[in-house]
C-alpha atoms as a PDB file:
ATOM      1  CA  MET A   1      10.334  -3.908  30.189  1.00  0.00           C
ATOM      2  CA  ASP A   2       9.234  -0.693  28.427  1.00  0.00           C
ATOM      3  CA  MET A   3       5.512  -0.559  28.287  1.00  0.00           C
ATOM      4  CA  THR A   4       4.747   2.946  26.625  1.00  0.00           C
ATOM      5  CA  ARG A   5       3.747   2.549  22.761  1.00  0.00           C
ATOM      6  CA  LYS A   6       4.649   5.257  20.349  1.00  0.00           C
ATOM      7  CA  ALA A   7       1.321   6.809  18.965  1.00  0.00           C
ATOM      8  CA  VAL A   8       0.129   6.198  15.592  1.00  0.00           C
ATOM      9  CA  SER A   9       1.094   8.909  13.179  1.00  0.00           C
ATOM     10  CA  ASN A  10      -1.119   9.833   9.979  1.00  0.00           C
ATOM     11  CA  VAL A  11       0.255  10.149   6.780  1.00  0.00           C
ATOM     12  CA  LEU A  12      -1.633  11.825   3.795  1.00  0.00           C
ATOM     13  CA  VAL A  13      -0.851  11.063   0.135  1.00  0.00           C
ATOM     14  CA  ILE A  14      -2.135  13.758  -2.170  1.00  0.00           C
ATOM     15  CA  ASP A  15      -2.183  12.697  -5.884  1.00  0.00           C
ATOM     16  CA  ASP A  16      -4.367  12.562  -8.932  1.00  0.00           C
ATOM     17  CA  GLN A  17      -2.763   9.437 -10.085  1.00  0.00           C
ATOM     18  CA  ALA A  18      -3.975   6.104  -8.368  1.00  0.00           C
ATOM     19  CA  GLU A  19      -1.074   4.271  -8.956  1.00  0.00           C
ATOM     20  CA  ILE A  20       1.299   7.099  -7.376  1.00  0.00           C
ATOM     21  CA  ARG A  21      -0.990   7.028  -4.414  1.00  0.00           C
ATOM     22  CA  SER A  22      -0.997   3.057  -4.292  1.00  0.00           C
ATOM     23  CA  VAL A  23       2.919   3.036  -4.355  1.00  0.00           C
ATOM     24  CA  LEU A  24       3.203   5.320  -1.666  1.00  0.00           C
ATOM     25  CA  SER A  25       0.697   4.042   0.487  1.00  0.00           C
ATOM     26  CA  ARG A  26       2.269   0.570   0.250  1.00  0.00           C
ATOM     27  CA  VAL A  27       5.634   1.680   1.314  1.00  0.00           C
ATOM     28  CA  ILE A  28       3.967   3.816   4.236  1.00  0.00           C
ATOM     29  CA  LYS A  29       2.093   0.724   5.350  1.00  0.00           C
ATOM     30  CA  ASP A  30       5.233  -1.209   5.948  1.00  0.00           C
ATOM     31  CA  TYR A  31       5.536   0.829   9.131  1.00  0.00           C
ATOM     32  CA  PRO A  32       3.284  -0.276  11.931  1.00  0.00           C
ATOM     33  CA  ASP A  33       3.128   3.183  13.637  1.00  0.00           C
ATOM     34  CA  LEU A  34       1.820   5.093  10.659  1.00  0.00           C
ATOM     35  CA  ARG A  35      -1.433   5.471   9.313  1.00  0.00           C
ATOM     36  CA  VAL A  36      -2.182   6.373   5.674  1.00  0.00           C
ATOM     37  CA  SER A  37      -4.765   8.261   3.794  1.00  0.00           C
ATOM     38  CA  GLU A  38      -5.123   8.817   0.170  1.00  0.00           C
ATOM     39  CA  ALA A  39      -6.735  12.003  -1.572  1.00  0.00           C
ATOM     40  CA  ALA A  40      -6.906  12.491  -5.332  1.00  0.00           C
ATOM     41  CA  THR A  41      -8.341  15.967  -5.126  1.00  0.00           C
ATOM     42  CA  PRO A  42      -7.638  19.164  -3.423  1.00  0.00           C
ATOM     43  CA  GLU A  43     -11.050  19.058  -2.037  1.00  0.00           C
ATOM     44  CA  THR A  44     -10.746  15.705  -0.355  1.00  0.00           C
ATOM     45  CA  ALA A  45      -7.244  16.598   0.727  1.00  0.00           C
ATOM     46  CA  ARG A  46      -8.616  19.464   2.697  1.00  0.00           C
ATOM     47  CA  GLN A  47     -11.035  17.595   4.480  1.00  0.00           C
ATOM     48  CA  LEU A  48      -8.710  14.803   5.336  1.00  0.00           C
ATOM     49  CA  TRP A  49      -5.804  17.092   6.737  1.00  0.00           C
ATOM     50  CA  ARG A  50      -8.307  18.850   8.628  1.00  0.00           C
ATOM     51  CA  LYS A  51     -10.031  15.894  10.303  1.00  0.00           C
ATOM     52  CA  LEU A  52      -6.485  13.759  10.521  1.00  0.00           C
ATOM     53  CA  GLN A  53      -4.095  16.222  11.043  1.00  0.00           C
ATOM     54  CA  PRO A  54      -1.148  14.250   9.493  1.00  0.00           C
ATOM     55  CA  GLY A  55       2.458  14.781  10.616  1.00  0.00           C
ATOM     56  CA  LEU A  56       3.619  13.985   6.968  1.00  0.00           C
ATOM     57  CA  ILE A  57       2.046  14.738   3.612  1.00  0.00           C
ATOM     58  CA  PHE A  58       3.324  13.635   0.100  1.00  0.00           C
ATOM     59  CA  LEU A  59       1.718  16.368  -2.005  1.00  0.00           C
ATOM     60  CA  ASP A  60       1.615  15.905  -6.147  1.00  0.00           C
ATOM     61  CA  LEU A  61       2.761  19.503  -7.257  1.00  0.00           C
ATOM     62  CA  TYR A  62       0.751  19.220 -10.649  1.00  0.00           C
ATOM     63  CA  LEU A  63      -2.958  18.674  -9.580  1.00  0.00           C
ATOM     64  CA  PRO A  64      -5.448  19.204 -12.120  1.00  0.00           C
ATOM     65  CA  GLU A  65      -7.696  21.410 -10.033  1.00  0.00           C
ATOM     66  CA  LEU A  66      -5.113  23.412  -8.312  1.00  0.00           C
ATOM     67  CA  ASP A  67      -1.255  24.149  -8.607  1.00  0.00           C
ATOM     68  CA  GLY A  68       0.391  22.145  -5.640  1.00  0.00           C
ATOM     69  CA  LEU A  69       2.190  25.231  -4.348  1.00  0.00           C
ATOM     70  CA  LYS A  70      -0.920  26.841  -3.693  1.00  0.00           C
ATOM     71  CA  LEU A  71      -2.238  23.705  -1.856  1.00  0.00           C
ATOM     72  CA  LEU A  72       1.108  23.700  -0.139  1.00  0.00           C
ATOM     73  CA  ALA A  73       0.435  27.265   1.025  1.00  0.00           C
ATOM     74  CA  GLU A  74      -2.688  26.437   2.424  1.00  0.00           C
ATOM     75  CA  ILE A  75      -1.364  23.533   4.321  1.00  0.00           C
ATOM     76  CA  LYS A  76       1.568  25.623   5.633  1.00  0.00           C
ATOM     77  CA  LYS A  77      -0.942  28.085   6.684  1.00  0.00           C
ATOM     78  CA  GLU A  78      -3.046  26.054   8.688  1.00  0.00           C
ATOM     79  CA  ALA A  79      -0.958  23.279   9.752  1.00  0.00           C
ATOM     80  CA  PHE A  80       2.744  25.004   9.741  1.00  0.00           C
ATOM     81  CA  ASP A  81       4.325  21.958  11.675  1.00  0.00           C
ATOM     82  CA  THR A  82       3.318  19.413   8.997  1.00  0.00           C
ATOM     83  CA  HIS A  83       6.195  17.959   7.198  1.00  0.00           C
ATOM     84  CA  VAL A  84       5.083  18.123   3.458  1.00  0.00           C
ATOM     85  CA  ILE A  85       7.125  16.056   0.989  1.00  0.00           C
ATOM     86  CA  VAL A  86       6.564  17.384  -2.854  1.00  0.00           C
ATOM     87  CA  VAL A  87       6.066  14.928  -5.643  1.00  0.00           C
ATOM     88  CA  THR A  88       6.854  16.301  -8.909  1.00  0.00           C
ATOM     89  CA  GLY A  89       7.119  14.853 -12.500  1.00  0.00           C
ATOM     90  CA  GLN A  90       9.394  18.029 -13.556  1.00  0.00           C
ATOM     91  CA  HIS A  91      12.895  16.845 -13.458  1.00  0.00           C
ATOM     92  CA  ASP A  92      13.882  20.146 -12.549  1.00  0.00           C
ATOM     93  CA  VAL A  93      16.015  21.645  -9.682  1.00  0.00           C
ATOM     94  CA  GLU A  94      14.438  25.104  -9.959  1.00  0.00           C
ATOM     95  CA  THR A  95      10.913  23.386  -9.163  1.00  0.00           C
ATOM     96  CA  GLY A  96      12.260  21.557  -6.009  1.00  0.00           C
ATOM     97  CA  LYS A  97      13.846  24.944  -4.911  1.00  0.00           C
ATOM     98  CA  GLU A  98      10.541  26.851  -5.360  1.00  0.00           C
ATOM     99  CA  ALA A  99       8.680  23.937  -3.268  1.00  0.00           C
ATOM    100  CA  LEU A 100      11.306  24.225  -0.534  1.00  0.00           C
ATOM    101  CA  GLU A 101      11.085  28.084  -0.561  1.00  0.00           C
ATOM    102  CA  ALA A 102       7.318  27.533  -0.123  1.00  0.00           C
ATOM    103  CA  GLY A 103       7.805  25.455   2.776  1.00  0.00           C
ATOM    104  CA  ALA A 104       8.081  22.015   1.671  1.00  0.00           C
ATOM    105  CA  TRP A 105      10.356  19.675   3.864  1.00  0.00           C
ATOM    106  CA  ASP A 106      11.856  17.859   0.607  1.00  0.00           C
ATOM    107  CA  TYR A 107      10.770  16.687  -2.595  1.00  0.00           C
ATOM    108  CA  ILE A 108      11.102  13.752  -4.881  1.00  0.00           C
ATOM    109  CA  ASP A 109      11.162  13.488  -8.683  1.00  0.00           C
ATOM    110  CA  LYS A 110       8.360  11.184 -10.456  1.00  0.00           C
ATOM    111  CA  PRO A 111       9.262   8.289 -11.235  1.00  0.00           C
ATOM    112  CA  PHE A 112      10.743   8.174  -7.575  1.00  0.00           C
ATOM    113  CA  ASP A 113      13.007   5.535  -6.423  1.00  0.00           C
ATOM    114  CA  VAL A 114      11.086   3.503  -3.224  1.00  0.00           C
ATOM    115  CA  LYS A 115      14.389   3.597  -1.247  1.00  0.00           C
ATOM    116  CA  ARG A 116      14.345   7.192  -1.325  1.00  0.00           C
ATOM    117  CA  VAL A 117      10.744   7.294  -0.052  1.00  0.00           C
ATOM    118  CA  ARG A 118      11.516   5.024   2.752  1.00  0.00           C
ATOM    119  CA  GLU A 119      14.649   6.950   3.527  1.00  0.00           C
ATOM    120  CA  LEU A 120      12.366  10.107   3.801  1.00  0.00           C
ATOM    121  CA  VAL A 121       9.589   8.475   5.869  1.00  0.00           C
ATOM    122  CA  GLU A 122      12.437   7.022   8.306  1.00  0.00           C
ATOM    123  CA  LEU A 123      14.088  10.553   8.517  1.00  0.00           C
ATOM    124  CA  TRP A 124      10.787  12.093   9.328  1.00  0.00           C
ATOM    125  CA  MET A 125       9.986   9.593  12.038  1.00  0.00           C
ATOM    126  CA  ALA A 126      13.174  10.278  13.532  1.00  0.00           C
ATOM    127  CA  VAL A 127      12.446  14.078  13.616  1.00  0.00           C
ATOM    128  CA  ALA A 128       8.832  13.935  14.212  1.00  0.00           C
END
């Protein structure tokens, strides 16, 4: 019998919209080895990612206080191995391409398909 237990991994959801944070958090909470935290502002996000060192971050690209690409650059500078999935309401391939070029691991459009979120989380868990 294997007595080893996989360590709990932190996931951070950064979005100014409470309903988006709630939906993403509910999906993530379905995985017992994941612990989810939420941030509505860039400042709270900075505090949480520095404290928790999440392996996966869902990042809204359009935050009222700061452009999500700038926050992505900060995250990648401080925690280059963190996987970041950009969440965007701009159904635009160029926006997704720009996020990927800036260091995002992947991106999803709002409104997003919960099934796609699960696929990305499971893919991340497999490579993390």
